[in-house]
Amino acid sequence: MPKTTNETFSIHGEQLLKKIKELVNEGNVRKITIKDKTGKELMTFPLTVGVVGAVFAPVLAAVGALAALVGECTIMVEKEEA
């Protein structure tokens, strides 16, 4: 079973979509959770190998809408180690 690590980023809403795209492009991300500044979970989505393009577009649209509504948020990233 592959080993996983977790990373946390504090980010402002306007930078949220850009950061999510960067993380997805890394390729080793298994799950992303977005929380507001109080720690309330706003969105969680799993990523599997090959999730790109049209399949991922609705998730990015939802993240973009969320970014417009939140000020500061936290991104929790679960990554698979090589």
C-alpha atoms as a PDB file:
ATOM      1  CA  MET A   1       0.000   0.000   0.000  1.00  0.00           C
ATOM      2  CA  PRO A   2       1.461   3.397  -0.954  1.00  0.00           C
ATOM      3  CA  LYS A   3       2.425   5.775   1.813  1.00  0.00           C
ATOM      4  CA  THR A   4       0.603   9.112   1.987  1.00  0.00           C
ATOM      5  CA  THR A   5       1.559  12.502   3.359  1.00  0.00           C
ATOM      6  CA  ASN A   6      -0.582  15.514   4.198  1.00  0.00           C
ATOM      7  CA  GLU A   7       0.141  19.164   3.488  1.00  0.00           C
ATOM      8  CA  THR A   8      -1.835  22.229   4.512  1.00  0.00           C
ATOM      9  CA  PHE A   9      -1.882  25.618   2.785  1.00  0.00           C
ATOM     10  CA  SER A  10      -3.510  28.814   4.021  1.00  0.00           C
ATOM     11  CA  ILE A  11      -4.634  30.842   1.045  1.00  0.00           C
ATOM     12  CA  HIS A  12      -6.915  33.712   0.074  1.00  0.00           C
ATOM     13  CA  GLY A  13      -9.982  32.985  -2.042  1.00  0.00           C
ATOM     14  CA  GLU A  14      -8.726  34.724  -5.177  1.00  0.00           C
ATOM     15  CA  GLN A  15      -5.679  32.410  -5.259  1.00  0.00           C
ATOM     16  CA  LEU A  16      -7.663  29.242  -4.552  1.00  0.00           C
ATOM     17  CA  LEU A  17      -8.367  28.130  -8.121  1.00  0.00           C
ATOM     18  CA  LYS A  18      -4.779  28.707  -9.217  1.00  0.00           C
ATOM     19  CA  LYS A  19      -3.425  26.642  -6.312  1.00  0.00           C
ATOM     20  CA  ILE A  20      -5.868  23.790  -6.959  1.00  0.00           C
ATOM     21  CA  LYS A  21      -4.787  23.652 -10.617  1.00  0.00           C
ATOM     22  CA  GLU A  22      -1.118  23.567  -9.550  1.00  0.00           C
ATOM     23  CA  LEU A  23      -1.785  20.721  -7.135  1.00  0.00           C
ATOM     24  CA  VAL A  24      -3.702  18.702  -9.716  1.00  0.00           C
ATOM     25  CA  ASN A  25      -0.858  19.123 -12.218  1.00  0.00           C
ATOM     26  CA  GLU A  26       1.606  17.638  -9.707  1.00  0.00           C
ATOM     27  CA  GLY A  27      -0.041  14.280 -10.332  1.00  0.00           C
ATOM     28  CA  ASN A  28       0.573  12.671  -6.933  1.00  0.00           C
ATOM     29  CA  VAL A  29      -2.380  14.257  -5.113  1.00  0.00           C
ATOM     30  CA  ARG A  30      -5.025  11.796  -3.910  1.00  0.00           C
ATOM     31  CA  LYS A  31      -7.500  14.090  -2.164  1.00  0.00           C
ATOM     32  CA  ILE A  32      -8.057  17.817  -1.650  1.00  0.00           C
ATOM     33  CA  THR A  33     -10.154  19.299   1.152  1.00  0.00           C
ATOM     34  CA  ILE A  34     -11.019  22.995   1.351  1.00  0.00           C
ATOM     35  CA  LYS A  35     -11.955  24.478   4.737  1.00  0.00           C
ATOM     36  CA  ASP A  36     -12.988  27.980   5.733  1.00  0.00           C
ATOM     37  CA  LYS A  37     -11.056  30.031   8.296  1.00  0.00           C
ATOM     38  CA  THR A  38     -13.097  28.522  11.155  1.00  0.00           C
ATOM     39  CA  GLY A  39     -12.173  24.991  10.083  1.00  0.00           C
ATOM     40  CA  LYS A  40     -15.549  24.101   8.587  1.00  0.00           C
ATOM     41  CA  GLU A  41     -15.176  21.757   5.625  1.00  0.00           C
ATOM     42  CA  LEU A  42     -16.495  23.406   2.475  1.00  0.00           C
ATOM     43  CA  MET A  43     -15.507  20.905  -0.201  1.00  0.00           C
ATOM     44  CA  THR A  44     -13.644  17.600  -0.536  1.00  0.00           C
ATOM     45  CA  PHE A  45     -12.832  15.835  -3.744  1.00  0.00           C
ATOM     46  CA  PRO A  46     -10.728  12.771  -4.500  1.00  0.00           C
ATOM     47  CA  LEU A  47      -8.317  12.746  -7.404  1.00  0.00           C
ATOM     48  CA  THR A  48      -7.436   9.630  -9.326  1.00  0.00           C
ATOM     49  CA  VAL A  49      -4.850   9.135 -12.008  1.00  0.00           C
ATOM     50  CA  GLY A  50      -6.160  10.437 -15.311  1.00  0.00           C
ATOM     51  CA  VAL A  51      -8.712  12.878 -13.895  1.00  0.00           C
ATOM     52  CA  VAL A  52      -8.225  15.824 -16.218  1.00  0.00           C
ATOM     53  CA  GLY A  53     -10.026  17.880 -18.811  1.00  0.00           C
ATOM     54  CA  ALA A  54     -13.768  17.576 -19.194  1.00  0.00           C
ATOM     55  CA  VAL A  55     -14.134  15.193 -16.247  1.00  0.00           C
ATOM     56  CA  PHE A  56     -12.501  17.654 -13.860  1.00  0.00           C
ATOM     57  CA  ALA A  57     -14.087  20.821 -15.307  1.00  0.00           C
ATOM     58  CA  PRO A  58     -17.201  20.760 -13.044  1.00  0.00           C
ATOM     59  CA  VAL A  59     -14.985  20.511  -9.955  1.00  0.00           C
ATOM     60  CA  LEU A  60     -12.925  23.499 -11.094  1.00  0.00           C
ATOM     61  CA  ALA A  61     -16.123  25.456 -11.743  1.00  0.00           C
ATOM     62  CA  ALA A  62     -17.291  24.706  -8.200  1.00  0.00           C
ATOM     63  CA  VAL A  63     -13.897  25.713  -6.773  1.00  0.00           C
ATOM     64  CA  GLY A  64     -14.056  28.958  -8.766  1.00  0.00           C
ATOM     65  CA  ALA A  65     -17.502  29.752  -7.353  1.00  0.00           C
ATOM     66  CA  LEU A  66     -16.300  28.918  -3.848  1.00  0.00           C
ATOM     67  CA  ALA A  67     -13.255  31.157  -4.285  1.00  0.00           C
ATOM     68  CA  ALA A  68     -15.559  34.088  -5.025  1.00  0.00           C
ATOM     69  CA  LEU A  69     -17.391  33.535  -1.731  1.00  0.00           C
ATOM     70  CA  VAL A  70     -14.611  32.861   0.768  1.00  0.00           C
ATOM     71  CA  GLY A  71     -11.937  35.212   2.005  1.00  0.00           C
ATOM     72  CA  GLU A  72      -9.311  33.125   3.682  1.00  0.00           C
ATOM     73  CA  CYS A  73      -9.353  29.347   3.532  1.00  0.00           C
ATOM     74  CA  THR A  74      -7.195  26.295   4.120  1.00  0.00           C
ATOM     75  CA  ILE A  75      -6.407  23.600   1.598  1.00  0.00           C
ATOM     76  CA  MET A  76      -5.555  20.169   3.002  1.00  0.00           C
ATOM     77  CA  VAL A  77      -3.803  17.947   0.476  1.00  0.00           C
ATOM     78  CA  GLU A  78      -3.274  14.209   0.744  1.00  0.00           C
ATOM     79  CA  LYS A  79      -0.372  13.118  -1.449  1.00  0.00           C
ATOM     80  CA  GLU A  80       0.914   9.712  -2.410  1.00  0.00           C
ATOM     81  CA  GLU A  81       4.631   9.262  -1.893  1.00  0.00           C
ATOM     82  CA  ALA A  82       6.678   7.613  -4.623  1.00  0.00           C
END
